[in-house]
Amino acid sequence: MDASLGTRGLAADSATLTQIGSANGQSIPLVCQDWANTKAGYRFCSAERVSEADIPAGHFRSTRDRAAAAERRHS
């Protein structure tokens, strides 16, 4: 998960975001395992500066970059 979403000042750190992002289908409280990380995860998701499209944007960008690199190797 891309933690550089222009969200400087939000309390959610990249480890918490990675943890949440790697647990598809699990609830945030279950994944975060403690109250502080749970609050950070919810605070990140509810931030006005974070849109629904921003959250998977890093994944999509990485996938595009890998596909382009593979295409260049095979051309």
PDB file of N, CA and C in Angstrom:
ATOM      1  N   MET A   1       0.847  -1.175   0.000  1.00  0.00           N
ATOM      2  CA  MET A   1       0.000   0.000   0.000  1.00  0.00           C
ATOM      3  C   MET A   1       0.888   1.231   0.000  1.00  0.00           C
ATOM      4  N   ASP A   2       0.486   2.238  -0.764  1.00  0.00           N
ATOM      5  CA  ASP A   2       1.280   3.444  -0.890  1.00  0.00           C
ATOM      6  C   ASP A   2       0.913   4.417   0.221  1.00  0.00           C
ATOM      7  N   ALA A   3       1.861   4.639   1.128  1.00  0.00           N
ATOM      8  CA  ALA A   3       1.594   5.531   2.255  1.00  0.00           C
ATOM      9  C   ALA A   3       1.905   6.983   1.937  1.00  0.00           C
ATOM     10  N   SER A   4       2.325   7.277   0.723  1.00  0.00           N
ATOM     11  CA  SER A   4       2.683   8.643   0.351  1.00  0.00           C
ATOM     12  C   SER A   4       1.546   9.356  -0.357  1.00  0.00           C
ATOM     13  N   LEU A   5       0.360   9.248   0.144  1.00  0.00           N
ATOM     14  CA  LEU A   5      -0.815   9.776  -0.526  1.00  0.00           C
ATOM     15  C   LEU A   5      -1.062  11.236  -0.236  1.00  0.00           C
ATOM     16  N   GLY A   6      -0.030  11.980   0.049  1.00  0.00           N
ATOM     17  CA  GLY A   6      -0.236  13.375   0.377  1.00  0.00           C
ATOM     18  C   GLY A   6      -0.907  13.525   1.725  1.00  0.00           C
ATOM     19  N   THR A   7      -0.658  12.605   2.601  1.00  0.00           N
ATOM     20  CA  THR A   7      -1.354  12.576   3.884  1.00  0.00           C
ATOM     21  C   THR A   7      -0.412  12.901   5.033  1.00  0.00           C
ATOM     22  N   ARG A   8       0.562  13.734   4.765  1.00  0.00           N
ATOM     23  CA  ARG A   8       1.502  14.118   5.811  1.00  0.00           C
ATOM     24  C   ARG A   8       0.721  14.662   6.997  1.00  0.00           C
ATOM     25  N   GLY A   9       1.050  14.193   8.171  1.00  0.00           N
ATOM     26  CA  GLY A   9       0.352  14.649   9.358  1.00  0.00           C
ATOM     27  C   GLY A   9      -0.670  13.648   9.857  1.00  0.00           C
ATOM     28  N   LEU A  10      -1.054  12.684   9.023  1.00  0.00           N
ATOM     29  CA  LEU A  10      -1.949  11.641   9.515  1.00  0.00           C
ATOM     30  C   LEU A  10      -1.144  10.692  10.383  1.00  0.00           C
ATOM     31  N   ALA A  11      -1.784  10.144  11.387  1.00  0.00           N
ATOM     32  CA  ALA A  11      -1.073   9.323  12.366  1.00  0.00           C
ATOM     33  C   ALA A  11      -0.802   7.903  11.892  1.00  0.00           C
ATOM     34  N   ALA A  12      -1.495   7.420  10.890  1.00  0.00           N
ATOM     35  CA  ALA A  12      -1.290   6.037  10.446  1.00  0.00           C
ATOM     36  C   ALA A  12       0.092   5.897   9.827  1.00  0.00           C
ATOM     37  N   ASP A  13       0.889   4.972  10.328  1.00  0.00           N
ATOM     38  CA  ASP A  13       2.229   4.786   9.769  1.00  0.00           C
ATOM     39  C   ASP A  13       2.187   3.709   8.694  1.00  0.00           C
ATOM     40  N   SER A  14       3.244   3.616   7.918  1.00  0.00           N
ATOM     41  CA  SER A  14       3.243   2.692   6.791  1.00  0.00           C
ATOM     42  C   SER A  14       3.158   1.240   7.224  1.00  0.00           C
ATOM     43  N   ALA A  15       3.689   0.872   8.382  1.00  0.00           N
ATOM     44  CA  ALA A  15       3.590  -0.513   8.852  1.00  0.00           C
ATOM     45  C   ALA A  15       2.141  -0.893   9.106  1.00  0.00           C
ATOM     46  N   THR A  16       1.380   0.000   9.718  1.00  0.00           N
ATOM     47  CA  THR A  16      -0.039  -0.260   9.968  1.00  0.00           C
ATOM     48  C   THR A  16      -0.791  -0.369   8.652  1.00  0.00           C
ATOM     49  N   LEU A  17      -0.496   0.520   7.694  1.00  0.00           N
ATOM     50  CA  LEU A  17      -1.171   0.478   6.401  1.00  0.00           C
ATOM     51  C   LEU A  17      -0.830  -0.791   5.644  1.00  0.00           C
ATOM     52  N   THR A  18       0.421  -1.219   5.707  1.00  0.00           N
ATOM     53  CA  THR A  18       0.826  -2.459   5.061  1.00  0.00           C
ATOM     54  C   THR A  18       0.100  -3.631   5.681  1.00  0.00           C
ATOM     55  N   GLN A  19       0.015  -3.627   6.987  1.00  0.00           N
ATOM     56  CA  GLN A  19      -0.674  -4.687   7.712  1.00  0.00           C
ATOM     57  C   GLN A  19      -2.143  -4.766   7.281  1.00  0.00           C
ATOM     58  N   ILE A  20      -2.812  -3.641   7.200  1.00  0.00           N
ATOM     59  CA  ILE A  20      -4.211  -3.602   6.787  1.00  0.00           C
ATOM     60  C   ILE A  20      -4.342  -4.056   5.332  1.00  0.00           C
ATOM     61  N   GLY A  21      -3.463  -3.562   4.490  1.00  0.00           N
ATOM     62  CA  GLY A  21      -3.533  -3.883   3.065  1.00  0.00           C
ATOM     63  C   GLY A  21      -3.256  -5.331   2.735  1.00  0.00           C
ATOM     64  N   SER A  22      -2.529  -6.015   3.575  1.00  0.00           N
ATOM     65  CA  SER A  22      -2.171  -7.407   3.294  1.00  0.00           C
ATOM     66  C   SER A  22      -3.184  -8.408   3.839  1.00  0.00           C
ATOM     67  N   ALA A  23      -4.241  -7.937   4.451  1.00  0.00           N
ATOM     68  CA  ALA A  23      -5.213  -8.839   5.076  1.00  0.00           C
ATOM     69  C   ALA A  23      -6.584  -8.684   4.421  1.00  0.00           C
ATOM     70  N   ASN A  24      -6.666  -9.040   3.150  1.00  0.00           N
ATOM     71  CA  ASN A  24      -7.920  -8.918   2.411  1.00  0.00           C
ATOM     72  C   ASN A  24      -9.079  -9.581   3.138  1.00  0.00           C
ATOM     73  N   GLY A  25     -10.163  -8.856   3.256  1.00  0.00           N
ATOM     74  CA  GLY A  25     -11.381  -9.411   3.823  1.00  0.00           C
ATOM     75  C   GLY A  25     -11.453  -9.428   5.335  1.00  0.00           C
ATOM     76  N   GLN A  26     -10.384  -9.059   6.014  1.00  0.00           N
ATOM     77  CA  GLN A  26     -10.374  -9.056   7.475  1.00  0.00           C
ATOM     78  C   GLN A  26     -10.765  -7.674   7.985  1.00  0.00           C
ATOM     79  N   SER A  27     -11.330  -7.638   9.169  1.00  0.00           N
ATOM     80  CA  SER A  27     -11.699  -6.343   9.746  1.00  0.00           C
ATOM     81  C   SER A  27     -10.447  -5.606  10.218  1.00  0.00           C
ATOM     82  N   ILE A  28     -10.530  -4.292  10.217  1.00  0.00           N
ATOM     83  CA  ILE A  28      -9.399  -3.480  10.667  1.00  0.00           C
ATOM     84  C   ILE A  28      -9.034  -3.802  12.121  1.00  0.00           C
ATOM     85  N   PRO A  29      -9.988  -3.902  13.054  1.00  0.00           N
ATOM     86  CA  PRO A  29      -9.600  -4.235  14.432  1.00  0.00           C
ATOM     87  C   PRO A  29      -8.894  -5.590  14.552  1.00  0.00           C
ATOM     88  N   LEU A  30      -9.340  -6.577  13.787  1.00  0.00           N
ATOM     89  CA  LEU A  30      -8.693  -7.895  13.840  1.00  0.00           C
ATOM     90  C   LEU A  30      -7.263  -7.819  13.314  1.00  0.00           C
ATOM     91  N   VAL A  31      -7.076  -7.118  12.218  1.00  0.00           N
ATOM     92  CA  VAL A  31      -5.755  -7.012  11.604  1.00  0.00           C
ATOM     93  C   VAL A  31      -4.801  -6.192  12.467  1.00  0.00           C
ATOM     94  N   CYS A  32      -5.294  -5.092  13.021  1.00  0.00           N
ATOM     95  CA  CYS A  32      -4.426  -4.177  13.766  1.00  0.00           C
ATOM     96  C   CYS A  32      -4.057  -4.683  15.154  1.00  0.00           C
ATOM     97  N   GLN A  33      -4.896  -5.471  15.764  1.00  0.00           N
ATOM     98  CA  GLN A  33      -4.622  -6.171  17.022  1.00  0.00           C
ATOM     99  C   GLN A  33      -4.532  -5.293  18.262  1.00  0.00           C
ATOM    100  N   ASP A  34      -4.464  -4.000  18.138  1.00  0.00           N
ATOM    101  CA  ASP A  34      -4.500  -3.152  19.340  1.00  0.00           C
ATOM    102  C   ASP A  34      -5.227  -1.854  19.008  1.00  0.00           C
ATOM    103  N   TRP A  35      -5.652  -1.166  20.051  1.00  0.00           N
ATOM    104  CA  TRP A  35      -6.492   0.007  19.878  1.00  0.00           C
ATOM    105  C   TRP A  35      -5.780   1.144  19.142  1.00  0.00           C
ATOM    106  N   ALA A  36      -4.527   1.374  19.461  1.00  0.00           N
ATOM    107  CA  ALA A  36      -3.794   2.482  18.823  1.00  0.00           C
ATOM    108  C   ALA A  36      -3.693   2.279  17.312  1.00  0.00           C
ATOM    109  N   ASN A  37      -3.330   1.078  16.875  1.00  0.00           N
ATOM    110  CA  ASN A  37      -3.222   0.805  15.438  1.00  0.00           C
ATOM    111  C   ASN A  37      -4.589   0.815  14.768  1.00  0.00           C
ATOM    112  N   THR A  38      -5.607   0.330  15.470  1.00  0.00           N
ATOM    113  CA  THR A  38      -6.969   0.353  14.929  1.00  0.00           C
ATOM    114  C   THR A  38      -7.417   1.789  14.694  1.00  0.00           C
ATOM    115  N   LYS A  39      -7.200   2.659  15.673  1.00  0.00           N
ATOM    116  CA  LYS A  39      -7.564   4.067  15.520  1.00  0.00           C
ATOM    117  C   LYS A  39      -6.796   4.696  14.359  1.00  0.00           C
ATOM    118  N   ALA A  40      -5.506   4.375  14.240  1.00  0.00           N
ATOM    119  CA  ALA A  40      -4.689   4.927  13.153  1.00  0.00           C
ATOM    120  C   ALA A  40      -5.237   4.478  11.799  1.00  0.00           C
ATOM    121  N   GLY A  41      -5.606   3.230  11.685  1.00  0.00           N
ATOM    122  CA  GLY A  41      -6.155   2.716  10.433  1.00  0.00           C
ATOM    123  C   GLY A  41      -7.451   3.402  10.055  1.00  0.00           C
ATOM    124  N   TYR A  42      -8.361   3.532  11.021  1.00  0.00           N
ATOM    125  CA  TYR A  42      -9.630   4.215  10.748  1.00  0.00           C
ATOM    126  C   TYR A  42      -9.419   5.704  10.462  1.00  0.00           C
ATOM    127  N   ARG A  43      -8.486   6.326  11.155  1.00  0.00           N
ATOM    128  CA  ARG A  43      -8.207   7.748  10.929  1.00  0.00           C
ATOM    129  C   ARG A  43      -7.692   7.949   9.494  1.00  0.00           C
ATOM    130  N   PHE A  44      -6.821   7.053   9.045  1.00  0.00           N
ATOM    131  CA  PHE A  44      -6.312   7.143   7.684  1.00  0.00           C
ATOM    132  C   PHE A  44      -7.449   7.010   6.673  1.00  0.00           C
ATOM    133  N   CYS A  45      -8.300   5.997   6.858  1.00  0.00           N
ATOM    134  CA  CYS A  45      -9.386   5.741   5.905  1.00  0.00           C
ATOM    135  C   CYS A  45     -10.421   6.860   5.882  1.00  0.00           C
ATOM    136  N   SER A  46     -10.582   7.572   6.973  1.00  0.00           N
ATOM    137  CA  SER A  46     -11.601   8.616   7.020  1.00  0.00           C
ATOM    138  C   SER A  46     -11.058  10.014   6.716  1.00  0.00           C
ATOM    139  N   ALA A  47      -9.775  10.114   6.448  1.00  0.00           N
ATOM    140  CA  ALA A  47      -9.170  11.419   6.161  1.00  0.00           C
ATOM    141  C   ALA A  47      -9.748  12.001   4.875  1.00  0.00           C
ATOM    142  N   GLU A  48     -10.112  13.252   4.912  1.00  0.00           N
ATOM    143  CA  GLU A  48     -10.663  13.915   3.729  1.00  0.00           C
ATOM    144  C   GLU A  48      -9.658  13.974   2.589  1.00  0.00           C
ATOM    145  N   ARG A  49      -8.365  13.972   2.915  1.00  0.00           N
ATOM    146  CA  ARG A  49      -7.327  14.061   1.879  1.00  0.00           C
ATOM    147  C   ARG A  49      -7.087  12.736   1.183  1.00  0.00           C
ATOM    148  N   VAL A  50      -7.720  11.664   1.633  1.00  0.00           N
ATOM    149  CA  VAL A  50      -7.547  10.345   1.031  1.00  0.00           C
ATOM    150  C   VAL A  50      -8.843   9.970   0.328  1.00  0.00           C
ATOM    151  N   SER A  51      -8.762   9.754  -0.977  1.00  0.00           N
ATOM    152  CA  SER A  51      -9.957   9.344  -1.714  1.00  0.00           C
ATOM    153  C   SER A  51      -9.924   7.827  -1.908  1.00  0.00           C
ATOM    154  N   GLU A  52     -11.050   7.306  -2.282  1.00  0.00           N
ATOM    155  CA  GLU A  52     -11.158   5.874  -2.537  1.00  0.00           C
ATOM    156  C   GLU A  52     -10.176   5.439  -3.631  1.00  0.00           C
ATOM    157  N   ALA A  53      -9.952   6.286  -4.598  1.00  0.00           N
ATOM    158  CA  ALA A  53      -9.039   5.970  -5.697  1.00  0.00           C
ATOM    159  C   ALA A  53      -7.573   6.025  -5.265  1.00  0.00           C
ATOM    160  N   ASP A  54      -7.250   6.818  -4.255  1.00  0.00           N
ATOM    161  CA  ASP A  54      -5.863   6.938  -3.799  1.00  0.00           C
ATOM    162  C   ASP A  54      -5.347   5.644  -3.180  1.00  0.00           C
ATOM    163  N   ILE A  55      -6.208   4.914  -2.524  1.00  0.00           N
ATOM    164  CA  ILE A  55      -5.763   3.755  -1.752  1.00  0.00           C
ATOM    165  C   ILE A  55      -5.121   2.691  -2.645  1.00  0.00           C
ATOM    166  N   PRO A  56      -5.748   2.259  -3.752  1.00  0.00           N
ATOM    167  CA  PRO A  56      -5.076   1.259  -4.597  1.00  0.00           C
ATOM    168  C   PRO A  56      -4.138   1.859  -5.641  1.00  0.00           C
ATOM    169  N   ALA A  57      -3.985   3.167  -5.679  1.00  0.00           N
ATOM    170  CA  ALA A  57      -3.193   3.822  -6.725  1.00  0.00           C
ATOM    171  C   ALA A  57      -1.747   3.322  -6.757  1.00  0.00           C
ATOM    172  N   GLY A  58      -1.139   3.124  -5.611  1.00  0.00           N
ATOM    173  CA  GLY A  58       0.241   2.637  -5.573  1.00  0.00           C
ATOM    174  C   GLY A  58       0.373   1.252  -6.168  1.00  0.00           C
ATOM    175  N   HIS A  59      -0.593   0.405  -5.877  1.00  0.00           N
ATOM    176  CA  HIS A  59      -0.599  -0.950  -6.438  1.00  0.00           C
ATOM    177  C   HIS A  59      -0.719  -0.888  -7.961  1.00  0.00           C
ATOM    178  N   PHE A  60      -1.657  -0.083  -8.456  1.00  0.00           N
ATOM    179  CA  PHE A  60      -1.848   0.031  -9.900  1.00  0.00           C
ATOM    180  C   PHE A  60      -0.609   0.584 -10.580  1.00  0.00           C
ATOM    181  N   ARG A  61       0.026   1.576  -9.970  1.00  0.00           N
ATOM    182  CA  ARG A  61       1.239   2.175 -10.535  1.00  0.00           C
ATOM    183  C   ARG A  61       2.361   1.131 -10.600  1.00  0.00           C
ATOM    184  N   SER A  62       2.538   0.359  -9.541  1.00  0.00           N
ATOM    185  CA  SER A  62       3.580  -0.678  -9.522  1.00  0.00           C
ATOM    186  C   SER A  62       3.312  -1.752 -10.568  1.00  0.00           C
ATOM    187  N   THR A  63       2.058  -2.147 -10.706  1.00  0.00           N
ATOM    188  CA  THR A  63       1.699  -3.153 -11.702  1.00  0.00           C
ATOM    189  C   THR A  63       1.993  -2.648 -13.108  1.00  0.00           C
ATOM    190  N   ARG A  64       1.632  -1.392 -13.391  1.00  0.00           N
ATOM    191  CA  ARG A  64       1.913  -0.786 -14.696  1.00  0.00           C
ATOM    192  C   ARG A  64       3.416  -0.754 -14.968  1.00  0.00           C
ATOM    193  N   ASP A  65       4.199  -0.370 -13.946  1.00  0.00           N
ATOM    194  CA  ASP A  65       5.654  -0.295 -14.106  1.00  0.00           C
ATOM    195  C   ASP A  65       6.262  -1.668 -14.382  1.00  0.00           C
ATOM    196  N   ARG A  66       5.801  -2.691 -13.666  1.00  0.00           N
ATOM    197  CA  ARG A  66       6.319  -4.050 -13.887  1.00  0.00           C
ATOM    198  C   ARG A  66       5.961  -4.559 -15.273  1.00  0.00           C
ATOM    199  N   ALA A  67       4.734  -4.287 -15.716  1.00  0.00           N
ATOM    200  CA  ALA A  67       4.310  -4.720 -17.052  1.00  0.00           C
ATOM    201  C   ALA A  67       5.133  -4.029 -18.133  1.00  0.00           C
ATOM    202  N   ALA A  68       5.376  -2.744 -17.975  1.00  0.00           N
ATOM    203  CA  ALA A  68       6.181  -1.993 -18.949  1.00  0.00           C
ATOM    204  C   ALA A  68       7.610  -2.520 -18.982  1.00  0.00           C
ATOM    205  N   ALA A  69       8.188  -2.839 -17.826  1.00  0.00           N
ATOM    206  CA  ALA A  69       9.549  -3.357 -17.766  1.00  0.00           C
ATOM    207  C   ALA A  69       9.622  -4.730 -18.430  1.00  0.00           C
ATOM    208  N   ALA A  70       8.632  -5.558 -18.196  1.00  0.00           N
ATOM    209  CA  ALA A  70       8.609  -6.901 -18.814  1.00  0.00           C
ATOM    210  C   ALA A  70       8.474  -6.785 -20.335  1.00  0.00           C
ATOM    211  N   GLU A  71       7.662  -5.850 -20.783  1.00  0.00           N
ATOM    212  CA  GLU A  71       7.478  -5.647 -22.226  1.00  0.00           C
ATOM    213  C   GLU A  71       8.778  -5.190 -22.877  1.00  0.00           C
ATOM    214  N   ARG A  72       9.509  -4.298 -22.204  1.00  0.00           N
ATOM    215  CA  ARG A  72      10.794  -3.820 -22.746  1.00  0.00           C
ATOM    216  C   ARG A  72      11.799  -4.969 -22.834  1.00  0.00           C
ATOM    217  N   ARG A  73      11.793  -5.861 -21.845  1.00  0.00           N
ATOM    218  CA  ARG A  73      12.732  -7.003 -21.874  1.00  0.00           C
ATOM    219  C   ARG A  73      12.420  -7.965 -23.017  1.00  0.00           C
ATOM    220  N   HIS A  74      11.171  -8.066 -23.378  1.00  0.00           N
ATOM    221  CA  HIS A  74      10.760  -9.035 -24.408  1.00  0.00           C
ATOM    222  C   HIS A  74      10.640  -8.396 -25.793  1.00  0.00           C
ATOM    223  N   SER A  75      11.021  -7.151 -25.938  1.00  0.00           N
ATOM    224  CA  SER A  75      10.945  -6.484 -27.253  1.00  0.00           C
ATOM    225  C   SER A  75      12.264  -6.520 -27.958  1.00  0.00           C
TER     226      SER A  75
END
